[in-house]
Every structure is written in C-alpha cells, then in structure tokens.
Amino acid sequence: MKELAEHFHNYKQIHEIKSRQSGGSIYVDIFLEFGPDQLMGDVQDIMDLMKSSLEIQIPKSSVNIITSRGRDNLCRF
C-alpha cells in the first residue's frame, strides 16, 4: 500500500488488488486506471517502476500491474 500511495499522482484510481501464494512464491495483480491523457509510454514506465520496487520490497514475489478502465468508460451495446 505504501508503494501505491507514493505513486498516487501517477494513476487515476485503484480498481483491485489480488494476491496469492504458491509454495514459496507470492503473486500480486494490481489493476490501476490511468488518465486518458497519459501516453502509453509514460504509463509503461510508471508500471515498470512500481513493479520493480514492489518485487524488491516483497521477497520471492511476481507483480503484475494491469491497466483497467472505470465502469463509466465501458462501451455499452
């Protein structure tokens, strides 16, 4: 949570955090919404930085940062 708080200005909203453990490994999926005006290259840099930092702080972890959209941005048919 501390790492997410340190980067709160880089993303728009946290949608979900999932974690699971298998053997000695920890797997973390973090679903973040980014602003529509942010360039994908900048978003990727932010995700890479957060992933690296979290994996250092959580031994034997694999972190995935996944872009997500809010419900109000979903297409409706």
N, C-alpha and C. Protein backbone atom coordinates (compact mmCIF):
# COMPACT_ATOMS: atom_id res chain seq x y z
N MET A 1 0.83 -1.20 0.00
CA MET A 1 0.00 0.00 0.00
C MET A 1 0.87 1.25 0.00
N LYS A 2 2.00 1.20 0.73
CA LYS A 2 2.90 2.35 0.79
C LYS A 2 3.41 2.71 -0.61
N GLU A 3 3.77 1.70 -1.38
CA GLU A 3 4.28 1.94 -2.74
C GLU A 3 3.19 2.56 -3.61
N LEU A 4 1.97 2.07 -3.51
CA LEU A 4 0.86 2.64 -4.28
C LEU A 4 0.60 4.08 -3.87
N ALA A 5 0.70 4.36 -2.58
CA ALA A 5 0.48 5.72 -2.09
C ALA A 5 1.56 6.67 -2.60
N GLU A 6 2.79 6.18 -2.70
CA GLU A 6 3.88 7.03 -3.19
C GLU A 6 3.70 7.40 -4.66
N HIS A 7 2.95 6.60 -5.39
CA HIS A 7 2.74 6.85 -6.83
C HIS A 7 1.32 7.31 -7.15
N PHE A 8 0.56 7.73 -6.13
CA PHE A 8 -0.85 8.05 -6.35
C PHE A 8 -1.07 9.14 -7.41
N HIS A 9 -0.09 10.01 -7.59
CA HIS A 9 -0.23 11.09 -8.57
C HIS A 9 -0.02 10.59 -10.01
N ASN A 10 0.43 9.33 -10.17
CA ASN A 10 0.69 8.78 -11.50
C ASN A 10 -0.48 8.00 -12.09
N TYR A 11 -1.46 7.67 -11.28
CA TYR A 11 -2.61 6.93 -11.79
C TYR A 11 -3.89 7.57 -11.27
N LYS A 12 -5.00 7.22 -11.92
CA LYS A 12 -6.28 7.84 -11.59
C LYS A 12 -7.00 7.12 -10.46
N GLN A 13 -6.97 5.77 -10.47
CA GLN A 13 -7.73 5.02 -9.47
C GLN A 13 -7.21 3.58 -9.36
N ILE A 14 -7.31 3.02 -8.16
CA ILE A 14 -7.03 1.60 -7.94
C ILE A 14 -8.36 0.87 -8.06
N HIS A 15 -8.42 -0.15 -8.90
CA HIS A 15 -9.66 -0.90 -9.06
C HIS A 15 -9.66 -2.19 -8.26
N GLU A 16 -8.52 -2.85 -8.18
CA GLU A 16 -8.49 -4.14 -7.48
C GLU A 16 -7.05 -4.54 -7.22
N ILE A 17 -6.84 -5.25 -6.12
CA ILE A 17 -5.56 -5.85 -5.81
C ILE A 17 -5.83 -7.30 -5.44
N LYS A 18 -5.17 -8.22 -6.13
CA LYS A 18 -5.30 -9.65 -5.83
C LYS A 18 -3.92 -10.18 -5.48
N SER A 19 -3.85 -11.02 -4.48
CA SER A 19 -2.58 -11.68 -4.17
C SER A 19 -2.85 -13.13 -3.85
N ARG A 20 -1.87 -13.96 -4.14
CA ARG A 20 -1.98 -15.38 -3.85
C ARG A 20 -0.57 -15.91 -3.62
N GLN A 21 -0.50 -17.03 -2.95
CA GLN A 21 0.79 -17.65 -2.65
C GLN A 21 0.77 -19.08 -3.16
N SER A 22 1.86 -19.46 -3.76
CA SER A 22 2.02 -20.83 -4.24
C SER A 22 3.43 -21.27 -3.87
N GLY A 23 3.50 -22.24 -2.98
CA GLY A 23 4.81 -22.65 -2.48
C GLY A 23 5.45 -21.48 -1.76
N GLY A 24 6.66 -21.13 -2.15
CA GLY A 24 7.34 -20.01 -1.53
C GLY A 24 7.21 -18.71 -2.29
N SER A 25 6.42 -18.71 -3.35
CA SER A 25 6.28 -17.51 -4.20
C SER A 25 4.97 -16.78 -3.91
N ILE A 26 5.01 -15.46 -4.06
CA ILE A 26 3.83 -14.61 -3.89
C ILE A 26 3.55 -13.94 -5.23
N TYR A 27 2.29 -13.99 -5.66
CA TYR A 27 1.86 -13.38 -6.91
C TYR A 27 0.87 -12.27 -6.59
N VAL A 28 1.14 -11.09 -7.16
CA VAL A 28 0.30 -9.92 -6.89
C VAL A 28 -0.15 -9.32 -8.22
N ASP A 29 -1.45 -9.12 -8.37
CA ASP A 29 -2.03 -8.43 -9.53
C ASP A 29 -2.66 -7.14 -9.04
N ILE A 30 -2.25 -6.03 -9.65
CA ILE A 30 -2.77 -4.72 -9.27
C ILE A 30 -3.41 -4.09 -10.50
N PHE A 31 -4.70 -3.78 -10.39
CA PHE A 31 -5.45 -3.20 -11.51
C PHE A 31 -5.57 -1.69 -11.27
N LEU A 32 -4.92 -0.91 -12.14
CA LEU A 32 -4.91 0.55 -12.00
C LEU A 32 -5.53 1.21 -13.22
N GLU A 33 -6.22 2.30 -12.98
CA GLU A 33 -6.76 3.11 -14.06
C GLU A 33 -5.87 4.34 -14.22
N PHE A 34 -5.48 4.61 -15.44
CA PHE A 34 -4.66 5.77 -15.75
C PHE A 34 -5.50 6.78 -16.52
N GLY A 35 -5.07 8.02 -16.49
CA GLY A 35 -5.80 9.09 -17.16
C GLY A 35 -5.78 8.93 -18.67
N PRO A 36 -6.85 9.32 -19.34
CA PRO A 36 -6.92 9.17 -20.80
C PRO A 36 -5.92 10.06 -21.53
N ASP A 37 -5.40 11.07 -20.87
CA ASP A 37 -4.43 11.96 -21.50
C ASP A 37 -2.99 11.49 -21.34
N GLN A 38 -2.77 10.42 -20.57
CA GLN A 38 -1.42 9.91 -20.37
C GLN A 38 -0.99 9.07 -21.57
N LEU A 39 0.24 9.28 -22.01
CA LEU A 39 0.78 8.50 -23.11
C LEU A 39 1.13 7.10 -22.65
N MET A 40 0.91 6.10 -23.50
CA MET A 40 1.16 4.71 -23.12
C MET A 40 2.61 4.49 -22.72
N GLY A 41 3.54 5.16 -23.36
CA GLY A 41 4.95 5.03 -22.99
C GLY A 41 5.20 5.49 -21.57
N ASP A 42 4.55 6.58 -21.17
CA ASP A 42 4.68 7.08 -19.80
C ASP A 42 4.02 6.11 -18.81
N VAL A 43 2.87 5.58 -19.17
CA VAL A 43 2.16 4.62 -18.32
C VAL A 43 3.03 3.37 -18.13
N GLN A 44 3.65 2.90 -19.20
CA GLN A 44 4.50 1.70 -19.11
C GLN A 44 5.70 1.96 -18.19
N ASP A 45 6.30 3.14 -18.28
CA ASP A 45 7.41 3.50 -17.40
C ASP A 45 6.98 3.47 -15.93
N ILE A 46 5.81 4.01 -15.64
CA ILE A 46 5.27 4.03 -14.27
C ILE A 46 5.04 2.59 -13.79
N MET A 47 4.42 1.77 -14.63
CA MET A 47 4.13 0.38 -14.25
C MET A 47 5.43 -0.39 -14.00
N ASP A 48 6.44 -0.19 -14.85
CA ASP A 48 7.72 -0.87 -14.68
C ASP A 48 8.40 -0.46 -13.37
N LEU A 49 8.36 0.83 -13.06
CA LEU A 49 8.96 1.33 -11.83
C LEU A 49 8.27 0.75 -10.60
N MET A 50 6.95 0.74 -10.60
CA MET A 50 6.19 0.21 -9.48
C MET A 50 6.43 -1.29 -9.32
N LYS A 51 6.44 -2.02 -10.42
CA LYS A 51 6.67 -3.46 -10.40
C LYS A 51 8.03 -3.77 -9.79
N SER A 52 9.07 -3.10 -10.27
CA SER A 52 10.43 -3.34 -9.77
C SER A 52 10.53 -3.05 -8.28
N SER A 53 9.97 -1.92 -7.87
CA SER A 53 10.04 -1.53 -6.48
C SER A 53 9.30 -2.52 -5.58
N LEU A 54 8.12 -2.94 -5.99
CA LEU A 54 7.34 -3.89 -5.19
C LEU A 54 8.04 -5.25 -5.10
N GLU A 55 8.63 -5.71 -6.20
CA GLU A 55 9.28 -7.01 -6.19
C GLU A 55 10.54 -7.01 -5.31
N ILE A 56 11.18 -5.85 -5.17
CA ILE A 56 12.32 -5.73 -4.26
C ILE A 56 11.84 -5.76 -2.81
N GLN A 57 10.74 -5.08 -2.53
CA GLN A 57 10.22 -4.99 -1.17
C GLN A 57 9.53 -6.27 -0.69
N ILE A 58 9.00 -7.06 -1.63
CA ILE A 58 8.32 -8.31 -1.28
C ILE A 58 9.16 -9.46 -1.82
N PRO A 59 9.95 -10.09 -0.98
CA PRO A 59 10.82 -11.18 -1.44
C PRO A 59 10.03 -12.31 -2.11
N LYS A 60 10.62 -12.88 -3.14
CA LYS A 60 10.04 -14.02 -3.90
C LYS A 60 8.67 -13.68 -4.47
N SER A 61 8.52 -12.44 -4.94
CA SER A 61 7.22 -12.04 -5.49
C SER A 61 7.30 -11.82 -6.99
N SER A 62 6.15 -11.93 -7.61
CA SER A 62 5.96 -11.59 -9.02
C SER A 62 4.76 -10.65 -9.07
N VAL A 63 5.00 -9.42 -9.51
CA VAL A 63 3.96 -8.39 -9.51
C VAL A 63 3.55 -8.08 -10.94
N ASN A 64 2.25 -8.02 -11.17
CA ASN A 64 1.69 -7.59 -12.45
C ASN A 64 0.89 -6.32 -12.21
N ILE A 65 1.21 -5.27 -12.96
CA ILE A 65 0.41 -4.05 -12.96
C ILE A 65 -0.42 -4.10 -14.24
N ILE A 66 -1.73 -4.06 -14.09
CA ILE A 66 -2.64 -4.23 -15.21
C ILE A 66 -3.48 -2.97 -15.36
N THR A 67 -3.52 -2.43 -16.57
CA THR A 67 -4.34 -1.24 -16.79
C THR A 67 -5.80 -1.65 -16.81
N SER A 68 -6.63 -0.80 -16.25
CA SER A 68 -8.05 -1.08 -16.12
C SER A 68 -8.81 0.21 -16.41
N ARG A 69 -10.06 0.07 -16.82
CA ARG A 69 -10.90 1.24 -17.08
C ARG A 69 -12.06 1.25 -16.09
N GLY A 70 -12.49 2.44 -15.75
CA GLY A 70 -13.63 2.59 -14.85
C GLY A 70 -14.93 2.17 -15.53
N ARG A 71 -15.92 1.90 -14.71
CA ARG A 71 -17.23 1.49 -15.25
C ARG A 71 -17.85 2.54 -16.17
N ASP A 72 -17.59 3.81 -15.89
CA ASP A 72 -18.19 4.86 -16.71
C ASP A 72 -17.50 4.97 -18.07
N ASN A 73 -16.38 4.28 -18.28
CA ASN A 73 -15.67 4.31 -19.56
C ASN A 73 -15.95 3.08 -20.41
N LEU A 74 -16.74 2.15 -19.90
CA LEU A 74 -17.01 0.92 -20.65
C LEU A 74 -17.95 1.18 -21.81
N CYS A 75 -17.72 0.46 -22.90
CA CYS A 75 -18.63 0.55 -24.06
C CYS A 75 -19.90 -0.22 -23.75
N ARG A 76 -21.00 0.30 -24.17
CA ARG A 76 -22.28 -0.37 -23.97
C ARG A 76 -22.91 -0.61 -25.33
N PHE A 77 -23.44 -1.81 -25.51
CA PHE A 77 -24.07 -2.17 -26.78
C PHE A 77 -25.56 -2.26 -26.62
